[in-house]
């Protein structure tokens, strides 16, 4: 599921170990102003339809909408939508941060978020 862009994100992804599915995102300024974050497709892991997911950092959690989308090149992907901006502001998200989203509960769609 991992598709990190940028040297820092690739380094974090290489050093992150988990038996759970995870993906790595390098946070860019646009991720803080848009009400969405584009992520890998999660194909074969999560059904391809609108879902609610939970993002956890420590003891805090946020409910976020996970939506499918198709790009202009018909490439399938996903995006975190409603709830993303609240998560971004309350979690202290900053450009240059690398976030690892680890799927720790597949049935309830809970992602443990690691910040680097």
Protein backbone atom coordinates (compact mmCIF):
# COMPACT_ATOMS: atom_id res chain seq x y z
CA UNK A 1 0.00 0.00 0.00
CA UNK A 2 2.97 2.29 0.44
CA UNK A 3 3.72 5.00 -2.12
CA UNK A 4 5.82 7.65 -0.35
CA UNK A 5 7.10 10.62 -2.31
CA UNK A 6 10.14 12.51 -1.15
CA UNK A 7 13.36 11.25 0.40
CA UNK A 8 12.25 11.83 3.99
CA UNK A 9 9.01 9.86 3.52
CA UNK A 10 10.85 7.05 1.76
CA UNK A 11 13.33 6.82 4.62
CA UNK A 12 10.52 6.68 7.20
CA UNK A 13 8.67 4.03 5.18
CA UNK A 14 11.82 1.92 4.87
CA UNK A 15 12.44 2.02 8.62
CA UNK A 16 8.81 1.52 9.71
CA UNK A 17 7.99 -2.09 10.55
CA UNK A 18 4.49 -3.49 11.04
CA UNK A 19 2.54 -6.64 10.29
CA UNK A 20 -0.43 -4.38 9.53
CA UNK A 21 -0.99 -2.64 6.18
CA UNK A 22 0.31 0.95 6.19
CA UNK A 23 1.08 3.85 3.90
CA UNK A 24 3.31 6.89 4.26
CA UNK A 25 2.47 10.48 3.33
CA UNK A 26 4.78 13.49 3.19
CA UNK A 27 2.65 16.46 4.27
CA UNK A 28 2.71 19.41 1.87
CA UNK A 29 1.28 22.93 2.42
CA UNK A 30 -1.66 22.15 0.12
CA UNK A 31 -2.68 19.29 2.45
CA UNK A 32 -3.37 21.89 5.13
CA UNK A 33 -5.57 24.19 3.05
CA UNK A 34 -7.59 21.61 1.13
CA UNK A 35 -10.31 19.71 2.93
CA UNK A 36 -8.93 16.42 1.64
CA UNK A 37 -5.82 14.26 1.45
CA UNK A 38 -5.18 11.93 -1.48
CA UNK A 39 -3.93 8.52 -0.37
CA UNK A 40 -3.19 5.14 -1.98
CA UNK A 41 -6.12 3.13 -3.35
CA UNK A 42 -6.06 0.55 -0.53
CA UNK A 43 -7.12 -1.95 -3.19
CA UNK A 44 -7.59 -5.41 -1.76
CA UNK A 45 -7.58 -4.02 1.79
CA UNK A 46 -10.70 -1.82 1.99
CA UNK A 47 -13.80 -2.11 -0.18
CA UNK A 48 -13.99 0.46 -2.99
CA UNK A 49 -16.81 2.62 -1.70
CA UNK A 50 -17.43 5.47 0.67
CA UNK A 51 -16.40 4.55 4.21
CA UNK A 52 -15.94 6.17 7.58
CA UNK A 53 -12.53 5.63 9.15
CA UNK A 54 -11.03 6.57 12.48
CA UNK A 55 -7.61 8.19 12.76
CA UNK A 56 -5.85 7.80 16.11
CA UNK A 57 -2.86 9.61 17.54
CA UNK A 58 -2.16 8.58 21.10
CA UNK A 59 -5.45 8.67 23.03
CA UNK A 60 -7.13 11.09 20.61
CA UNK A 61 -9.21 10.03 17.64
CA UNK A 62 -11.00 11.65 14.71
CA UNK A 63 -13.70 10.32 12.39
CA UNK A 64 -12.90 11.01 8.74
CA UNK A 65 -14.72 10.15 5.52
CA UNK A 66 -12.82 7.94 3.05
CA UNK A 67 -13.96 8.43 -0.54
CA UNK A 68 -12.99 6.72 -3.80
CA UNK A 69 -12.07 8.85 -6.83
CA UNK A 70 -10.88 8.47 -10.39
CA UNK A 71 -8.26 10.80 -11.80
CA UNK A 72 -8.27 12.28 -15.28
CA UNK A 73 -6.16 9.31 -16.38
CA UNK A 74 -8.73 6.88 -14.93
CA UNK A 75 -6.34 5.96 -12.16
CA UNK A 76 -8.21 4.76 -9.10
CA UNK A 77 -7.39 6.23 -5.71
CA UNK A 78 -8.82 7.37 -2.41
CA UNK A 79 -9.04 10.55 -0.46
CA UNK A 80 -9.71 11.46 3.13
CA UNK A 81 -12.43 14.11 3.08
CA UNK A 82 -14.95 15.27 5.71
CA UNK A 83 -13.15 15.47 9.04
CA UNK A 84 -9.69 15.77 7.47
CA UNK A 85 -9.30 19.51 8.16
CA UNK A 86 -10.26 19.04 11.84
CA UNK A 87 -7.75 16.19 12.14
CA UNK A 88 -5.07 18.30 10.42
CA UNK A 89 -5.56 21.30 12.71
CA UNK A 90 -5.98 19.41 15.99
CA UNK A 91 -3.12 16.97 15.38
CA UNK A 92 -0.63 19.77 14.75
CA UNK A 93 0.04 18.73 11.16
CA UNK A 94 2.85 20.76 9.54
CA UNK A 95 4.38 20.81 6.05
CA UNK A 96 7.37 18.49 5.95
CA UNK A 97 5.93 16.08 8.51
CA UNK A 98 5.77 12.45 7.49
CA UNK A 99 2.69 10.58 8.62
CA UNK A 100 2.43 6.79 8.60
CA UNK A 101 -1.17 5.54 8.53
CA UNK A 102 -1.20 2.01 9.97
CA UNK A 103 -4.45 0.05 9.63
CA UNK A 104 -4.72 -1.54 13.10
CA UNK A 105 -8.38 -2.63 12.89
CA UNK A 106 -9.62 -3.71 9.47
CA UNK A 107 -13.22 -4.40 10.50
CA UNK A 108 -13.74 -0.98 12.16
CA UNK A 109 -11.28 0.81 9.80
CA UNK A 110 -9.06 2.29 12.49
CA UNK A 111 -5.73 3.80 11.45
CA UNK A 112 -3.06 4.46 14.03
CA UNK A 113 -1.22 7.56 12.81
CA UNK A 114 2.51 7.86 13.48
CA UNK A 115 4.10 11.30 13.12
CA UNK A 116 7.74 11.78 12.04
